[in-house]
Amino acid sequence: MTTTHMIQTAGVLTLAVVLLLALVVVVLRLAALPLAGAALALDHTADLVARPLPPIPTRHPEGGTR
């Protein structure tokens, strides 16, 4: 069975739908790569912002710092 015979058996419309579906999957997978990178960058930024702050030195009436 040749490729031409298989296309004729399945139908051109079916083949077009399958190729369109494959194209959609490829485009979505390519779009997922930069989105995953952006998610990792946002996660790193959130970790950086969520760090506890260092204690603020305060002055006591006797003049020293704690």
PDB file of N, CA and C in Angstrom:
ATOM      1  N   MET A   1       0.852  -1.164   0.000  1.00  0.00           N
ATOM      2  CA  MET A   1       0.000   0.000   0.000  1.00  0.00           C
ATOM      3  C   MET A   1       0.905   1.236   0.000  1.00  0.00           C
ATOM      4  N   THR A   2       0.736   2.089  -0.965  1.00  0.00           N
ATOM      5  CA  THR A   2       1.574   3.280  -1.082  1.00  0.00           C
ATOM      6  C   THR A   2       0.959   4.436  -0.298  1.00  0.00           C
ATOM      7  N   THR A   3       1.721   5.472  -0.151  1.00  0.00           N
ATOM      8  CA  THR A   3       1.238   6.653   0.562  1.00  0.00           C
ATOM      9  C   THR A   3       0.059   7.275  -0.170  1.00  0.00           C
ATOM     10  N   THR A   4       0.139   7.323  -1.477  1.00  0.00           N
ATOM     11  CA  THR A   4      -0.960   7.881  -2.266  1.00  0.00           C
ATOM     12  C   THR A   4      -2.234   7.078  -2.065  1.00  0.00           C
ATOM     13  N   HIS A   5      -2.110   5.772  -2.041  1.00  0.00           N
ATOM     14  CA  HIS A   5      -3.279   4.919  -1.845  1.00  0.00           C
ATOM     15  C   HIS A   5      -3.867   5.113  -0.448  1.00  0.00           C
ATOM     16  N   MET A   6      -3.014   5.268   0.565  1.00  0.00           N
ATOM     17  CA  MET A   6      -3.510   5.494   1.929  1.00  0.00           C
ATOM     18  C   MET A   6      -4.228   6.838   2.038  1.00  0.00           C
ATOM     19  N   ILE A   7      -3.707   7.874   1.367  1.00  0.00           N
ATOM     20  CA  ILE A   7      -4.354   9.188   1.385  1.00  0.00           C
ATOM     21  C   ILE A   7      -5.711   9.107   0.700  1.00  0.00           C
ATOM     22  N   GLN A   8      -5.768   8.396  -0.415  1.00  0.00           N
ATOM     23  CA  GLN A   8      -7.044   8.251  -1.123  1.00  0.00           C
ATOM     24  C   GLN A   8      -8.043   7.461  -0.291  1.00  0.00           C
ATOM     25  N   THR A   9      -7.574   6.476   0.458  1.00  0.00           N
ATOM     26  CA  THR A   9      -8.469   5.672   1.285  1.00  0.00           C
ATOM     27  C   THR A   9      -8.996   6.493   2.465  1.00  0.00           C
ATOM     28  N   ALA A  10      -8.123   7.230   3.130  1.00  0.00           N
ATOM     29  CA  ALA A  10      -8.527   7.999   4.307  1.00  0.00           C
ATOM     30  C   ALA A  10      -9.317   9.239   3.919  1.00  0.00           C
ATOM     31  N   GLY A  11      -8.969   9.831   2.829  1.00  0.00           N
ATOM     32  CA  GLY A  11      -9.634  11.058   2.396  1.00  0.00           C
ATOM     33  C   GLY A  11      -8.751  12.263   2.649  1.00  0.00           C
ATOM     34  N   VAL A  12      -8.839  13.214   1.743  1.00  0.00           N
ATOM     35  CA  VAL A  12      -8.003  14.407   1.829  1.00  0.00           C
ATOM     36  C   VAL A  12      -8.423  15.260   3.028  1.00  0.00           C
ATOM     37  N   LEU A  13      -9.712  15.329   3.317  1.00  0.00           N
ATOM     38  CA  LEU A  13     -10.179  16.133   4.446  1.00  0.00           C
ATOM     39  C   LEU A  13      -9.649  15.581   5.770  1.00  0.00           C
ATOM     40  N   THR A  14      -9.669  14.271   5.910  1.00  0.00           N
ATOM     41  CA  THR A  14      -9.141  13.649   7.126  1.00  0.00           C
ATOM     42  C   THR A  14      -7.653  13.936   7.272  1.00  0.00           C
ATOM     43  N   LEU A  15      -6.937  13.828   6.179  1.00  0.00           N
ATOM     44  CA  LEU A  15      -5.502  14.113   6.208  1.00  0.00           C
ATOM     45  C   LEU A  15      -5.242  15.573   6.575  1.00  0.00           C
ATOM     46  N   ALA A  16      -6.048  16.487   6.035  1.00  0.00           N
ATOM     47  CA  ALA A  16      -5.876  17.905   6.352  1.00  0.00           C
ATOM     48  C   ALA A  16      -6.146  18.171   7.834  1.00  0.00           C
ATOM     49  N   VAL A  17      -7.153  17.512   8.397  1.00  0.00           N
ATOM     50  CA  VAL A  17      -7.460  17.686   9.819  1.00  0.00           C
ATOM     51  C   VAL A  17      -6.321  17.163  10.685  1.00  0.00           C
ATOM     52  N   VAL A  18      -5.769  16.019  10.326  1.00  0.00           N
ATOM     53  CA  VAL A  18      -4.663  15.446  11.098  1.00  0.00           C
ATOM     54  C   VAL A  18      -3.434  16.345  11.022  1.00  0.00           C
ATOM     55  N   LEU A  19      -3.127  16.861   9.846  1.00  0.00           N
ATOM     56  CA  LEU A  19      -1.978  17.755   9.705  1.00  0.00           C
ATOM     57  C   LEU A  19      -2.197  19.063  10.471  1.00  0.00           C
ATOM     58  N   LEU A  20      -3.419  19.582  10.456  1.00  0.00           N
ATOM     59  CA  LEU A  20      -3.721  20.794  11.211  1.00  0.00           C
ATOM     60  C   LEU A  20      -3.583  20.551  12.711  1.00  0.00           C
ATOM     61  N   LEU A  21      -4.051  19.410  13.164  1.00  0.00           N
ATOM     62  CA  LEU A  21      -3.911  19.061  14.579  1.00  0.00           C
ATOM     63  C   LEU A  21      -2.439  18.939  14.971  1.00  0.00           C
ATOM     64  N   ALA A  22      -1.644  18.318  14.116  1.00  0.00           N
ATOM     65  CA  ALA A  22      -0.209  18.196  14.395  1.00  0.00           C
ATOM     66  C   ALA A  22       0.452  19.574  14.440  1.00  0.00           C
ATOM     67  N   LEU A  23       0.048  20.468  13.546  1.00  0.00           N
ATOM     68  CA  LEU A  23       0.599  21.820  13.531  1.00  0.00           C
ATOM     69  C   LEU A  23       0.224  22.578  14.804  1.00  0.00           C
ATOM     70  N   VAL A  24      -1.004  22.421  15.254  1.00  0.00           N
ATOM     71  CA  VAL A  24      -1.438  23.080  16.491  1.00  0.00           C
ATOM     72  C   VAL A  24      -0.626  22.574  17.680  1.00  0.00           C
ATOM     73  N   VAL A  25      -0.387  21.274  17.737  1.00  0.00           N
ATOM     74  CA  VAL A  25       0.395  20.704  18.841  1.00  0.00           C
ATOM     75  C   VAL A  25       1.819  21.248  18.828  1.00  0.00           C
ATOM     76  N   VAL A  26       2.422  21.333  17.649  1.00  0.00           N
ATOM     77  CA  VAL A  26       3.795  21.846  17.547  1.00  0.00           C
ATOM     78  C   VAL A  26       3.853  23.309  17.981  1.00  0.00           C
ATOM     79  N   VAL A  27       2.892  24.108  17.541  1.00  0.00           N
ATOM     80  CA  VAL A  27       2.888  25.530  17.907  1.00  0.00           C
ATOM     81  C   VAL A  27       2.695  25.701  19.412  1.00  0.00           C
ATOM     82  N   LEU A  28       1.797  24.924  19.997  1.00  0.00           N
ATOM     83  CA  LEU A  28       1.580  25.032  21.444  1.00  0.00           C
ATOM     84  C   LEU A  28       2.805  24.587  22.237  1.00  0.00           C
ATOM     85  N   ARG A  29       3.486  23.570  21.762  1.00  0.00           N
ATOM     86  CA  ARG A  29       4.699  23.132  22.467  1.00  0.00           C
ATOM     87  C   ARG A  29       5.802  24.172  22.356  1.00  0.00           C
ATOM     88  N   LEU A  30       5.920  24.819  21.205  1.00  0.00           N
ATOM     89  CA  LEU A  30       6.924  25.874  21.060  1.00  0.00           C
ATOM     90  C   LEU A  30       6.569  27.090  21.916  1.00  0.00           C
ATOM     91  N   ALA A  31       5.291  27.376  22.054  1.00  0.00           N
ATOM     92  CA  ALA A  31       4.875  28.503  22.896  1.00  0.00           C
ATOM     93  C   ALA A  31       5.081  28.184  24.368  1.00  0.00           C
ATOM     94  N   ALA A  32       5.075  26.913  24.726  1.00  0.00           N
ATOM     95  CA  ALA A  32       5.222  26.530  26.132  1.00  0.00           C
ATOM     96  C   ALA A  32       6.646  26.758  26.639  1.00  0.00           C
ATOM     97  N   LEU A  33       7.634  26.701  25.765  1.00  0.00           N
ATOM     98  CA  LEU A  33       9.021  26.876  26.210  1.00  0.00           C
ATOM     99  C   LEU A  33       9.275  28.263  26.807  1.00  0.00           C
ATOM    100  N   PRO A  34       8.955  29.354  26.104  1.00  0.00           N
ATOM    101  CA  PRO A  34       9.188  30.661  26.732  1.00  0.00           C
ATOM    102  C   PRO A  34       8.297  30.900  27.948  1.00  0.00           C
ATOM    103  N   LEU A  35       7.086  30.341  27.930  1.00  0.00           N
ATOM    104  CA  LEU A  35       6.213  30.504  29.090  1.00  0.00           C
ATOM    105  C   LEU A  35       6.782  29.791  30.311  1.00  0.00           C
ATOM    106  N   ALA A  36       7.384  28.637  30.107  1.00  0.00           N
ATOM    107  CA  ALA A  36       8.013  27.926  31.223  1.00  0.00           C
ATOM    108  C   ALA A  36       9.215  28.717  31.747  1.00  0.00           C
ATOM    109  N   GLY A  37       9.975  29.313  30.843  1.00  0.00           N
ATOM    110  CA  GLY A  37      11.094  30.153  31.268  1.00  0.00           C
ATOM    111  C   GLY A  37      10.628  31.361  32.060  1.00  0.00           C
ATOM    112  N   ALA A  38       9.534  31.974  31.615  1.00  0.00           N
ATOM    113  CA  ALA A  38       8.986  33.119  32.345  1.00  0.00           C
ATOM    114  C   ALA A  38       8.478  32.693  33.721  1.00  0.00           C
ATOM    115  N   ALA A  39       7.874  31.521  33.800  1.00  0.00           N
ATOM    116  CA  ALA A  39       7.394  31.028  35.096  1.00  0.00           C
ATOM    117  C   ALA A  39       8.560  30.782  36.048  1.00  0.00           C
ATOM    118  N   LEU A  40       9.658  30.246  35.533  1.00  0.00           N
ATOM    119  CA  LEU A  40      10.832  30.034  36.383  1.00  0.00           C
ATOM    120  C   LEU A  40      11.420  31.361  36.856  1.00  0.00           C
ATOM    121  N   ALA A  41      11.454  32.349  35.967  1.00  0.00           N
ATOM    122  CA  ALA A  41      11.973  33.663  36.352  1.00  0.00           C
ATOM    123  C   ALA A  41      11.085  34.305  37.416  1.00  0.00           C
ATOM    124  N   LEU A  42       9.772  34.192  37.252  1.00  0.00           N
ATOM    125  CA  LEU A  42       8.863  34.745  38.256  1.00  0.00           C
ATOM    126  C   LEU A  42       8.995  34.018  39.587  1.00  0.00           C
ATOM    127  N   ASP A  43       9.206  32.715  39.541  1.00  0.00           N
ATOM    128  CA  ASP A  43       9.383  31.944  40.771  1.00  0.00           C
ATOM    129  C   ASP A  43      10.651  32.382  41.498  1.00  0.00           C
ATOM    130  N   HIS A  44      11.727  32.590  40.735  1.00  0.00           N
ATOM    131  CA  HIS A  44      12.977  33.048  41.340  1.00  0.00           C
ATOM    132  C   HIS A  44      12.795  34.442  41.946  1.00  0.00           C
ATOM    133  N   THR A  45      12.091  35.313  41.239  1.00  0.00           N
ATOM    134  CA  THR A  45      11.842  36.657  41.754  1.00  0.00           C
ATOM    135  C   THR A  45      10.998  36.610  43.022  1.00  0.00           C
ATOM    136  N   ALA A  46       9.998  35.738  43.048  1.00  0.00           N
ATOM    137  CA  ALA A  46       9.160  35.611  44.244  1.00  0.00           C
ATOM    138  C   ALA A  46       9.971  35.097  45.427  1.00  0.00           C
ATOM    139  N   ASP A  47      10.877  34.153  45.184  1.00  0.00           N
ATOM    140  CA  ASP A  47      11.743  33.673  46.263  1.00  0.00           C
ATOM    141  C   ASP A  47      12.641  34.797  46.784  1.00  0.00           C
ATOM    142  N   LEU A  48      13.135  35.610  45.869  1.00  0.00           N
ATOM    143  CA  LEU A  48      14.014  36.713  46.260  1.00  0.00           C
ATOM    144  C   LEU A  48      13.256  37.746  47.095  1.00  0.00           C
ATOM    145  N   VAL A  49      12.044  38.058  46.692  1.00  0.00           N
ATOM    146  CA  VAL A  49      11.249  39.067  47.396  1.00  0.00           C
ATOM    147  C   VAL A  49      10.755  38.541  48.742  1.00  0.00           C
ATOM    148  N   ALA A  50      10.523  37.240  48.844  1.00  0.00           N
ATOM    149  CA  ALA A  50       9.956  36.666  50.067  1.00  0.00           C
ATOM    150  C   ALA A  50      10.999  36.397  51.146  1.00  0.00           C
ATOM    151  N   ARG A  51      12.270  36.685  50.866  1.00  0.00           N
ATOM    152  CA  ARG A  51      13.294  36.481  51.898  1.00  0.00           C
ATOM    153  C   ARG A  51      13.017  37.370  53.094  1.00  0.00           C
ATOM    154  N   PRO A  52      13.326  36.892  54.288  1.00  0.00           N
ATOM    155  CA  PRO A  52      13.132  37.758  55.458  1.00  0.00           C
ATOM    156  C   PRO A  52      14.127  38.918  55.436  1.00  0.00           C
ATOM    157  N   LEU A  53      13.676  40.041  55.930  1.00  0.00           N
ATOM    158  CA  LEU A  53      14.541  41.216  55.988  1.00  0.00           C
ATOM    159  C   LEU A  53      15.518  41.088  57.145  1.00  0.00           C
ATOM    160  N   PRO A  54      16.709  41.659  57.008  1.00  0.00           N
ATOM    161  CA  PRO A  54      17.644  41.641  58.141  1.00  0.00           C
ATOM    162  C   PRO A  54      17.107  42.550  59.243  1.00  0.00           C
ATOM    163  N   PRO A  55      17.475  42.271  60.483  1.00  0.00           N
ATOM    164  CA  PRO A  55      16.984  43.119  61.579  1.00  0.00           C
ATOM    165  C   PRO A  55      17.511  44.545  61.447  1.00  0.00           C
ATOM    166  N   ILE A  56      16.654  45.487  61.773  1.00  0.00           N
ATOM    167  CA  ILE A  56      17.021  46.901  61.688  1.00  0.00           C
ATOM    168  C   ILE A  56      17.666  47.310  63.017  1.00  0.00           C
ATOM    169  N   PRO A  57      18.877  47.878  62.976  1.00  0.00           N
ATOM    170  CA  PRO A  57      19.515  48.302  64.230  1.00  0.00           C
ATOM    171  C   PRO A  57      18.729  49.463  64.851  1.00  0.00           C
ATOM    172  N   THR A  58      18.529  49.380  66.141  1.00  0.00           N
ATOM    173  CA  THR A  58      17.795  50.440  66.849  1.00  0.00           C
ATOM    174  C   THR A  58      18.707  51.080  67.886  1.00  0.00           C
ATOM    175  N   ARG A  59      18.508  52.358  68.114  1.00  0.00           N
ATOM    176  CA  ARG A  59      19.291  53.083  69.115  1.00  0.00           C
ATOM    177  C   ARG A  59      18.532  53.075  70.432  1.00  0.00           C
ATOM    178  N   HIS A  60      19.274  52.832  71.474  1.00  0.00           N
ATOM    179  CA  HIS A  60      18.697  52.854  72.814  1.00  0.00           C
ATOM    180  C   HIS A  60      19.041  54.192  73.466  1.00  0.00           C
ATOM    181  N   PRO A  61      18.280  54.574  74.479  1.00  0.00           N
ATOM    182  CA  PRO A  61      18.541  55.870  75.134  1.00  0.00           C
ATOM    183  C   PRO A  61      19.964  55.989  75.671  1.00  0.00           C
ATOM    184  N   GLU A  62      20.589  54.884  76.058  1.00  0.00           N
ATOM    185  CA  GLU A  62      21.944  54.987  76.597  1.00  0.00           C
ATOM    186  C   GLU A  62      22.985  55.164  75.497  1.00  0.00           C
ATOM    187  N   GLY A  63      22.554  55.190  74.223  1.00  0.00           N
ATOM    188  CA  GLY A  63      23.474  55.516  73.147  1.00  0.00           C
ATOM    189  C   GLY A  63      24.024  54.337  72.378  1.00  0.00           C
ATOM    190  N   GLY A  64      23.807  53.124  72.795  1.00  0.00           N
ATOM    191  CA  GLY A  64      24.345  51.970  72.080  1.00  0.00           C
ATOM    192  C   GLY A  64      23.358  51.420  71.058  1.00  0.00           C
ATOM    193  N   THR A  65      23.846  50.489  70.340  1.00  0.00           N
ATOM    194  CA  THR A  65      22.956  49.788  69.409  1.00  0.00           C
ATOM    195  C   THR A  65      22.819  48.357  69.864  1.00  0.00           C
ATOM    196  N   ARG A  66      21.805  47.746  69.457  1.00  0.00           N
ATOM    197  CA  ARG A  66      21.571  46.379  69.883  1.00  0.00           C
ATOM    198  C   ARG A  66      22.126  45.405  68.896  1.00  0.00           C
TER     199      ARG A  66
END
